[in-house]
């Protein structure tokens, strides 16, 4: 039976198309669109779900390169095509270029069938002609010459908007920029954090449980409680997950909590708490004698945080809906640690949320800066003298990171307190001369992340 249309009777390509259309219309972020479909069709076999997931994510990840290839064989620009035909062609070309397990003939035939089924009978010849042409000539496509136009060449090769490459060139240099581009295209396993204090026999049982399900387990080389899982499907169906033995969290997020230096009994405020990974880790760090007050502006995200809190048995967590930019005078001077992972452009997690690179613009970054300053200008007051404010973002953007940290130091009664001694030795060389940490995407298998630790005078 053909891949994408299994014995369930559900056409995986049509489901992938629906997700891509939802993302294109701005109805959902890519990771949410994929999750919604996989949750709705949870009865599908693991292979079917993996096919849908890869098809949606891969099509988005390689969209610029795919559009370039389509326009090499189409007289009609991609931007002028009917939305459904455009997304159908994109996902079909992704299969032709990057999914060797799917025969080219099947890709073309299935695309034509979908076009007919969706009432685009008159355009089936157009779809078939473009796909057959690309199939016959994909090894001969002339990509932009790097020696003549480096930015254009990199943009097509790595499917990254030209303005972002120029931004990173200016801020990081050409060598580090290409490392970022390469890192964002690396395959991303699911990274999980084991519950602190888990016993060796429990770890062995968990590993066996995962491997029996076909999951590949790789222990992180720097953090003993971090595992990287490949071929993981149906996370919620794993008994150990439901029992709170582990939770999903990226290594970069774990390092932010480590850099905060949370001690048993501390009062911690996580002012922009969703999705809750740092909240849960902080709760384990501060222990039963401490408190973690986690806040978020979104009621919907708080529901998800509450579910994770219950699953991980984090009884010392208090959840509240609160806008971090609004002062709460009752909490002034109470916190030993404030975790401020503020809203940001998210450029460090493009590898997991592929549509970010098409949504973010220079103007949208500029609009974020006042909000970040407003939040920092509010939450510093919660830190007690001698306490810590841990500022972090999941982006690679100097204005949101180094420049924002410098602005904070120049306006409020804090001093830098380098976090290098709180992090594993292998990460310490990433410390900048300012005492901040900017991790690039793909480095040590983690997202792009920025960490700055401040202590109140």
Protein backbone atom coordinates (compact mmCIF):
# COMPACT_ATOMS: atom_id res chain seq x y z
CA UNK A 1 0.00 0.00 0.00
CA UNK A 2 1.31 3.46 -0.90
CA UNK A 3 2.90 5.63 1.74
CA UNK A 4 0.52 8.39 2.75
CA UNK A 5 -2.60 6.30 2.17
CA UNK A 6 -2.64 3.36 4.55
CA UNK A 7 -5.14 0.72 5.55
CA UNK A 8 -6.91 3.24 7.80
CA UNK A 9 -8.46 4.67 4.66
CA UNK A 10 -7.26 8.16 5.60
CA UNK A 11 -5.21 9.98 2.98
CA UNK A 12 -2.16 11.32 4.79
CA UNK A 13 -1.38 13.72 1.96
CA UNK A 14 -4.77 15.37 2.29
CA UNK A 15 -4.29 15.76 6.03
CA UNK A 16 -0.86 17.29 5.44
CA UNK A 17 -2.41 19.64 2.87
CA UNK A 18 -5.02 20.78 5.39
CA UNK A 19 -2.28 21.58 7.91
CA UNK A 20 -0.25 23.52 5.34
CA UNK A 21 -3.30 25.52 4.29
CA UNK A 22 -4.08 26.35 7.92
CA UNK A 23 -0.53 27.63 8.42
CA UNK A 24 -0.60 29.60 5.16
CA UNK A 25 -3.88 31.29 6.15
CA UNK A 26 -2.47 32.20 9.56
CA UNK A 27 -5.05 30.02 11.32
CA UNK A 28 -2.43 28.03 13.26
CA UNK A 29 1.28 27.82 13.93
CA UNK A 30 2.94 24.85 12.26
CA UNK A 31 3.58 22.81 15.40
CA UNK A 32 0.00 23.39 16.56
CA UNK A 33 -1.44 22.43 13.16
CA UNK A 34 0.51 19.17 13.14
CA UNK A 35 -0.41 18.37 16.74
CA UNK A 36 -4.09 19.05 16.08
CA UNK A 37 -4.17 16.61 13.17
CA UNK A 38 -2.21 13.89 14.96
CA UNK A 39 -4.44 14.25 18.03
CA UNK A 40 -7.61 14.09 15.93
CA UNK A 41 -6.38 11.03 14.04
CA UNK A 42 -4.60 9.42 16.95
CA UNK A 43 -5.77 5.98 15.78
CA UNK A 44 -3.45 6.14 12.77
CA UNK A 45 -0.44 3.86 12.69
CA UNK A 46 2.87 5.33 13.80
CA UNK A 47 4.23 5.19 10.23
CA UNK A 48 1.28 7.17 8.91
CA UNK A 49 1.62 9.83 11.60
CA UNK A 50 5.35 10.07 10.99
CA UNK A 51 4.71 10.55 7.26
CA UNK A 52 2.24 13.39 7.86
CA UNK A 53 4.52 15.08 10.38
CA UNK A 54 7.56 14.94 8.16
CA UNK A 55 5.64 16.08 5.09
CA UNK A 56 4.24 19.19 6.79
CA UNK A 57 7.40 20.12 8.65
CA UNK A 58 9.70 19.39 5.73
CA UNK A 59 7.59 21.35 3.24
CA UNK A 60 7.67 24.38 5.51
CA UNK A 61 11.34 23.97 6.33
CA UNK A 62 12.38 23.87 2.65
CA UNK A 63 9.77 26.24 1.26
CA UNK A 64 12.12 28.80 -0.28
CA UNK A 65 14.12 26.13 -2.08
CA UNK A 66 10.93 24.39 -3.17
CA UNK A 67 9.45 27.62 -4.56
CA UNK A 68 12.68 28.28 -6.44
CA UNK A 69 12.46 24.83 -8.06
CA UNK A 70 8.78 25.24 -8.95
CA UNK A 71 9.44 28.57 -10.64
CA UNK A 72 12.20 26.99 -12.73
CA UNK A 73 9.45 24.98 -14.44
CA UNK A 74 6.36 27.18 -14.13
CA UNK A 75 5.49 30.28 -16.13
CA UNK A 76 3.13 31.28 -13.30
CA UNK A 77 4.88 32.61 -10.17
CA UNK A 78 4.20 30.62 -7.01
CA UNK A 79 2.70 33.67 -5.32
CA UNK A 80 -0.02 33.95 -7.97
CA UNK A 81 -1.18 30.33 -7.77
CA UNK A 82 -4.40 29.23 -6.09
CA UNK A 83 -3.59 28.61 -2.39
CA UNK A 84 -4.54 24.92 -2.50
CA UNK A 85 -2.59 24.29 -5.72
CA UNK A 86 0.40 26.17 -4.32
CA UNK A 87 0.53 24.06 -1.14
CA UNK A 88 -0.19 20.86 -3.08
CA UNK A 89 2.75 21.56 -5.39
CA UNK A 90 5.02 22.49 -2.51
CA UNK A 91 4.40 19.32 -0.54
CA UNK A 92 4.69 17.21 -3.72
CA UNK A 93 8.00 18.78 -4.68
CA UNK A 94 9.26 18.17 -1.14
CA UNK A 95 8.54 14.48 -1.65
CA UNK A 96 10.31 14.48 -5.03
CA UNK A 97 13.42 16.19 -3.68
CA UNK A 98 13.76 14.91 -0.14
CA UNK A 99 11.76 11.70 0.36
CA UNK A 100 13.50 8.92 -1.52
CA UNK A 101 11.16 6.30 -0.05
CA UNK A 102 8.26 7.69 -2.09
CA UNK A 103 8.35 6.82 -5.84
CA UNK A 104 8.20 9.89 -8.08
CA UNK A 105 5.36 8.41 -10.10
CA UNK A 106 3.26 7.93 -6.99
CA UNK A 107 3.89 11.52 -5.92
CA UNK A 108 2.68 12.87 -9.25
CA UNK A 109 -0.33 10.58 -9.46
CA UNK A 110 -1.46 11.28 -5.89
CA UNK A 111 -1.14 15.04 -6.42
CA UNK A 112 -3.36 14.85 -9.49
CA UNK A 113 -5.94 12.80 -7.57
CA UNK A 114 -6.01 15.33 -4.74
CA UNK A 115 -6.43 18.21 -7.23
CA UNK A 116 -9.38 16.41 -8.84
CA UNK A 117 -10.95 15.54 -5.49
CA UNK A 118 -10.72 19.17 -4.38
CA UNK A 119 -12.55 20.37 -7.54
CA UNK A 120 -9.47 21.61 -9.39
CA UNK A 121 -10.01 19.25 -12.32
CA UNK A 122 -9.05 21.95 -14.83
CA UNK A 123 -5.64 22.39 -13.16
CA UNK A 124 -4.66 18.73 -12.91
CA UNK A 125 -2.66 19.00 -16.16
CA UNK A 126 -0.82 22.04 -14.76
CA UNK A 127 0.02 20.16 -11.55
CA UNK A 128 1.05 17.01 -13.39
CA UNK A 129 3.20 18.88 -15.92
CA UNK A 130 5.22 20.77 -13.31
CA UNK A 131 5.78 17.71 -11.12
CA UNK A 132 6.75 15.45 -14.04
CA UNK A 133 9.20 18.09 -15.28
CA UNK A 134 10.82 18.44 -11.86
CA UNK A 135 10.96 14.66 -11.48
CA UNK A 136 12.82 14.28 -14.78
CA UNK A 137 15.17 17.22 -14.26
CA UNK A 138 15.72 17.50 -10.49
CA UNK A 139 19.39 16.59 -10.78
CA UNK A 140 19.93 19.35 -13.35
CA UNK A 141 18.33 22.29 -11.52
CA UNK A 142 20.68 25.29 -11.63
CA UNK A 143 20.77 26.81 -8.17
CA UNK A 144 22.10 30.36 -7.55
CA UNK A 145 25.89 30.67 -7.83
CA UNK A 146 27.39 31.51 -4.42
CA UNK A 147 30.37 33.28 -5.98
CA UNK A 148 28.02 35.71 -7.72
CA UNK A 149 25.41 36.24 -5.00
CA UNK A 150 26.24 34.65 -1.65
CA UNK A 151 23.08 35.81 0.14
CA UNK A 152 20.73 34.56 -2.58
CA UNK A 153 22.60 31.26 -2.79
CA UNK A 154 22.43 30.66 0.96
CA UNK A 155 18.78 31.70 1.03
CA UNK A 156 17.82 29.03 -1.50
CA UNK A 157 20.16 26.35 -0.15
CA UNK A 158 19.00 26.70 3.45
CA UNK A 159 15.50 28.10 2.77
CA UNK A 160 16.10 31.15 4.90
CA UNK A 161 14.84 34.68 4.10
CA UNK A 162 17.61 36.90 2.76
CA UNK A 163 17.09 39.62 5.38
CA UNK A 164 17.74 37.12 8.17
CA UNK A 165 21.00 35.96 6.60
CA UNK A 166 22.10 39.58 6.25
CA UNK A 167 21.14 40.24 9.89
CA UNK A 168 23.16 37.28 11.18
CA UNK A 169 26.08 38.14 8.90
CA UNK A 170 26.23 41.58 10.47
CA UNK A 171 25.83 40.34 14.05
CA UNK A 172 27.57 36.95 14.06
CA UNK A 173 29.90 37.00 11.05
CA UNK A 174 29.66 34.85 7.94
CA UNK A 175 31.17 31.69 9.43
CA UNK A 176 28.84 31.61 12.44
CA UNK A 177 25.89 32.51 10.20
CA UNK A 178 26.41 29.43 8.08
CA UNK A 179 26.76 27.35 11.25
CA UNK A 180 23.36 28.72 12.35
CA UNK A 181 21.81 27.87 8.98
CA UNK A 182 23.21 24.35 9.10
CA UNK A 183 22.11 23.88 12.70
CA UNK A 184 18.54 24.88 11.95
CA UNK A 185 18.25 22.18 9.27
CA UNK A 186 19.54 19.36 11.45
CA UNK A 187 16.99 16.72 12.35
CA UNK A 188 15.63 17.41 15.81
CA UNK A 189 14.99 14.57 18.26
CA UNK A 190 12.55 15.09 21.12
CA UNK A 191 14.56 16.14 24.17
CA UNK A 192 13.25 15.19 27.59
CA UNK A 193 14.32 15.83 31.17
CA UNK A 194 14.17 12.99 33.65
CA UNK A 195 12.74 13.75 37.05
CA UNK A 196 15.50 14.72 39.47
CA UNK A 197 16.30 11.94 41.89
CA UNK A 198 15.09 9.19 39.58
CA UNK A 199 16.74 5.93 40.60
CA UNK A 200 19.04 3.97 38.32
CA UNK A 201 16.68 1.01 38.18
CA UNK A 202 13.84 3.36 37.21
CA UNK A 203 16.00 4.85 34.46
CA UNK A 204 16.84 1.38 33.16
CA UNK A 205 13.16 0.40 33.17
CA UNK A 206 12.21 3.62 31.39
CA UNK A 207 14.85 3.12 28.73
CA UNK A 208 13.65 -0.43 28.13
CA UNK A 209 10.06 0.77 27.93
CA UNK A 210 10.98 3.32 25.27
CA UNK A 211 13.18 0.99 23.24
CA UNK A 212 10.45 -1.67 23.17
CA UNK A 213 8.30 0.97 21.46
CA UNK A 214 10.99 1.50 18.82
CA UNK A 215 12.29 4.74 20.32
CA UNK A 216 16.01 5.43 20.01
CA UNK A 217 17.41 6.77 23.29
CA UNK A 218 20.58 8.85 23.43
CA UNK A 219 21.80 10.24 26.72
CA UNK A 220 22.95 13.86 26.63
CA UNK A 221 26.69 14.21 27.07
CA UNK A 222 26.51 17.26 29.33
CA UNK A 223 23.42 16.95 31.52
CA UNK A 224 22.87 13.55 33.17
CA UNK A 225 19.11 13.99 33.33
CA UNK A 226 18.65 14.90 29.63
CA UNK A 227 17.77 12.31 26.99
CA UNK A 228 17.30 12.74 23.23
CA UNK A 229 14.60 10.52 21.76
CA UNK A 230 14.25 9.62 18.08
CA UNK A 231 11.29 7.90 16.42
CA UNK A 232 9.05 8.88 19.30
CA UNK A 233 5.31 8.74 18.59
CA UNK A 234 2.40 8.79 21.01
CA UNK A 235 4.22 10.42 23.92
CA UNK A 236 1.06 10.67 26.03
CA UNK A 237 0.50 6.93 25.75
CA UNK A 238 3.76 6.10 27.53
CA UNK A 239 2.98 5.10 31.15
CA UNK A 240 6.21 6.59 32.51
CA UNK A 241 5.32 9.96 30.95
CA UNK A 242 1.84 9.86 32.44
CA UNK A 243 3.38 8.97 35.81
CA UNK A 244 5.65 12.03 35.77
CA UNK A 245 8.99 10.30 35.39
CA UNK A 246 10.02 12.68 32.61
CA UNK A 247 8.86 15.74 30.72
CA UNK A 248 9.65 17.37 27.40
CA UNK A 249 12.20 20.18 27.72
CA UNK A 250 15.06 21.39 25.55
CA UNK A 251 18.61 21.39 26.90
CA UNK A 252 18.79 25.17 26.44
CA UNK A 253 15.79 25.62 28.74
CA UNK A 254 17.37 23.30 31.30
CA UNK A 255 20.56 25.39 31.22
CA UNK A 256 18.57 28.55 31.93
CA UNK A 257 17.28 26.99 35.15
CA UNK A 258 20.76 25.76 36.06
CA UNK A 259 22.14 29.27 35.47
CA UNK A 260 19.57 30.69 37.91
CA UNK A 261 21.26 28.79 40.75
CA UNK A 262 17.99 27.84 42.46
CA UNK A 263 18.46 26.41 45.95
CA UNK A 264 16.22 24.30 48.19
CA UNK A 265 13.60 26.48 49.88
CA UNK A 266 13.82 29.36 47.37
CA UNK A 267 10.82 31.44 46.36
CA UNK A 268 10.87 31.52 42.56
CA UNK A 269 8.74 33.58 40.18
CA UNK A 270 8.47 32.46 36.57
CA UNK A 271 6.86 35.55 35.07
CA UNK A 272 6.30 34.28 31.49
CA UNK A 273 5.84 30.65 32.39
CA UNK A 274 4.41 28.89 29.34
CA UNK A 275 4.92 26.18 28.25
CA UNK A 276 6.09 25.30 31.78
CA UNK A 277 9.34 23.40 31.40
CA UNK A 278 11.36 25.82 33.50
CA UNK A 279 8.57 26.02 36.07
CA UNK A 280 8.66 22.25 36.61
CA UNK A 281 12.45 22.10 36.78
CA UNK A 282 12.54 25.03 39.21
CA UNK A 283 9.93 23.27 41.37
CA UNK A 284 12.18 20.23 41.66
CA UNK A 285 15.20 22.41 42.38
CA UNK A 286 13.57 24.39 45.19
CA UNK A 287 11.98 21.28 46.68
CA UNK A 288 8.99 20.88 49.01
CA UNK A 289 10.10 23.77 51.24
CA UNK A 290 10.15 26.22 48.33
CA UNK A 291 7.51 27.80 46.11
CA UNK A 292 7.36 28.46 42.37
CA UNK A 293 4.83 31.07 41.32
CA UNK A 294 4.35 30.63 37.57
CA UNK A 295 2.38 33.18 35.61
CA UNK A 296 1.29 33.60 32.02
CA UNK A 297 -0.98 36.00 30.21
CA UNK A 298 -2.79 33.22 28.33
CA UNK A 299 -5.54 31.24 30.03
CA UNK A 300 -5.26 28.50 27.41
CA UNK A 301 -1.53 28.05 28.04
CA UNK A 302 -2.16 27.96 31.79
CA UNK A 303 -4.51 25.01 31.28
CA UNK A 304 -1.67 23.11 29.60
CA UNK A 305 0.72 24.15 32.36
CA UNK A 306 -1.74 22.89 34.97
CA UNK A 307 -1.91 19.53 33.21
CA UNK A 308 1.88 19.25 33.30
CA UNK A 309 2.00 20.36 36.91
CA UNK A 310 -0.45 17.62 37.88
CA UNK A 311 1.35 14.99 35.84
CA UNK A 312 4.72 15.84 37.39
CA UNK A 313 3.21 16.09 40.90
CA UNK A 314 4.62 19.61 41.32
CA UNK A 315 2.65 20.48 44.45
CA UNK A 316 4.85 23.48 45.24
CA UNK A 317 3.81 25.29 42.04
CA UNK A 318 1.21 28.04 42.07
CA UNK A 319 -0.25 29.05 38.70
CA UNK A 320 -1.78 32.46 38.01
CA UNK A 321 -2.98 34.32 34.95
CA UNK A 322 -1.10 37.61 34.90
CA UNK A 323 0.31 40.02 32.35
CA UNK A 324 4.03 40.25 33.14
CA UNK A 325 4.14 43.88 32.06
CA UNK A 326 1.64 44.84 34.81
CA UNK A 327 3.20 45.48 38.26
CA UNK A 328 2.11 43.45 41.28
CA UNK A 329 3.19 45.48 44.29
CA UNK A 330 2.34 42.68 46.71
CA UNK A 331 5.23 40.65 45.30
CA UNK A 332 7.89 43.37 45.45
CA UNK A 333 11.10 42.13 47.06
CA UNK A 334 9.78 38.61 47.66
CA UNK A 335 11.61 36.45 45.11
CA UNK A 336 14.95 34.76 45.54
CA UNK A 337 14.89 34.11 41.80
CA UNK A 338 12.87 35.61 38.96
CA UNK A 339 12.86 33.70 35.67
CA UNK A 340 12.17 36.15 32.84
CA UNK A 341 11.95 34.22 29.58
CA UNK A 342 10.29 37.08 27.75
CA UNK A 343 8.31 37.04 24.48
CA UNK A 344 10.83 37.13 21.64
CA UNK A 345 11.21 36.60 17.90
CA UNK A 346 11.92 32.87 18.40
CA UNK A 347 14.67 32.71 15.79
CA UNK A 348 16.51 30.09 17.82
CA UNK A 349 13.68 27.55 17.53
CA UNK A 350 13.07 27.78 13.78
CA UNK A 351 14.29 24.18 13.60
CA UNK A 352 11.21 23.10 15.60
CA UNK A 353 8.71 25.76 14.50
CA UNK A 354 9.50 26.15 10.83
CA UNK A 355 7.00 28.87 9.97
CA UNK A 356 8.66 31.37 12.32
CA UNK A 357 11.15 32.40 9.62
CA UNK A 358 8.28 33.43 7.33
CA UNK A 359 6.32 35.25 10.04
CA UNK A 360 9.09 37.28 11.68
CA UNK A 361 10.17 40.56 10.05
CA UNK A 362 12.59 43.32 11.04
CA UNK A 363 9.55 45.43 11.95
CA UNK A 364 8.07 42.71 14.17
CA UNK A 365 11.36 42.45 16.08
CA UNK A 366 11.36 46.21 16.60
CA UNK A 367 7.82 46.00 17.97
CA UNK A 368 8.90 43.39 20.52
CA UNK A 369 11.63 45.51 22.08
CA UNK A 370 9.34 47.93 23.99
CA UNK A 371 7.40 44.97 25.43
CA UNK A 372 10.60 43.27 26.56
CA UNK A 373 11.75 46.51 28.24
CA UNK A 374 8.35 46.98 29.87
CA UNK A 375 8.41 43.46 31.31
CA UNK A 376 11.96 43.80 32.61
CA UNK A 377 11.15 47.25 33.96
CA UNK A 378 8.35 45.64 35.97
CA UNK A 379 9.60 42.25 37.15
CA UNK A 380 12.97 43.39 38.55
CA UNK A 381 11.05 44.77 41.52
CA UNK A 382 10.06 41.25 42.60
CA UNK A 383 13.71 40.32 43.25
CA UNK A 384 14.90 40.70 46.84
CA UNK A 385 18.32 42.31 47.47
CA UNK A 386 20.95 39.73 46.65
CA UNK A 387 18.43 37.76 44.60
CA UNK A 388 18.73 36.71 40.96
CA UNK A 389 16.97 37.79 37.78
CA UNK A 390 17.60 35.28 35.00
CA UNK A 391 16.88 36.83 31.60
CA UNK A 392 16.54 34.45 28.68
CA UNK A 393 15.18 34.26 25.14
CA UNK A 394 14.96 31.55 22.51
CA UNK A 395 16.34 33.76 19.76
CA UNK A 396 19.56 34.84 18.05
CA UNK A 397 19.10 38.61 17.81
CA UNK A 398 21.48 41.15 19.26
CA UNK A 399 18.77 43.76 19.91
CA UNK A 400 16.74 41.28 21.98
CA UNK A 401 19.72 39.73 23.71
CA UNK A 402 23.05 41.51 24.31
CA UNK A 403 21.64 44.99 23.78
CA UNK A 404 18.59 44.30 25.94
CA UNK A 405 20.80 42.93 28.73
CA UNK A 406 23.02 46.02 28.53
CA UNK A 407 19.95 48.26 28.67
CA UNK A 408 18.73 46.45 31.78
CA UNK A 409 22.05 46.88 33.57
CA UNK A 410 22.12 50.58 32.78
CA UNK A 411 18.64 51.24 34.19
CA UNK A 412 18.20 49.08 37.29
CA UNK A 413 20.15 48.25 40.48
CA UNK A 414 21.67 44.97 39.31
CA UNK A 415 25.11 43.72 38.40
CA UNK A 416 26.24 40.94 36.10
CA UNK A 417 26.89 37.66 37.80
CA UNK A 418 28.39 35.28 35.23
CA UNK A 419 26.68 31.91 35.27
CA UNK A 420 29.69 29.96 34.01
CA UNK A 421 30.34 28.18 37.33
CA UNK A 422 26.72 27.00 37.41
CA UNK A 423 26.90 25.37 33.97
CA UNK A 424 28.69 22.21 32.81
CA UNK A 425 32.31 22.81 31.85
CA UNK A 426 31.67 22.12 28.16
CA UNK A 427 29.41 25.17 27.87
CA UNK A 428 31.64 27.70 29.60
CA UNK A 429 33.58 28.63 26.48
CA UNK A 430 30.36 30.05 25.07
CA UNK A 431 30.45 32.89 27.59
CA UNK A 432 30.85 36.28 25.93
CA UNK A 433 33.13 39.03 27.17
CA UNK A 434 30.01 40.64 28.70
CA UNK A 435 29.34 37.50 30.75
CA UNK A 436 26.33 36.41 28.68
CA UNK A 437 25.67 33.12 26.90
CA UNK A 438 24.45 32.95 23.31
CA UNK A 439 23.94 29.35 22.20
CA UNK A 440 23.58 28.82 18.47
CA UNK A 441 20.94 26.45 17.06
CA UNK A 442 22.19 22.91 16.59
CA UNK A 443 25.09 23.28 19.02
CA UNK A 444 25.12 20.23 21.31
CA UNK A 445 21.73 19.33 19.88
CA UNK A 446 19.93 22.28 21.46
CA UNK A 447 17.88 25.26 20.33
CA UNK A 448 19.29 28.74 19.91
CA UNK A 449 19.11 30.43 23.29
CA UNK A 450 20.38 33.45 25.21
CA UNK A 451 21.04 33.54 28.97
CA UNK A 452 22.02 36.48 31.18
CA UNK A 453 22.21 36.27 34.98
CA UNK A 454 21.81 39.43 37.10
CA UNK A 455 22.02 39.89 40.88
CA UNK A 456 20.21 42.70 42.63
CA UNK A 457 22.47 45.12 44.55
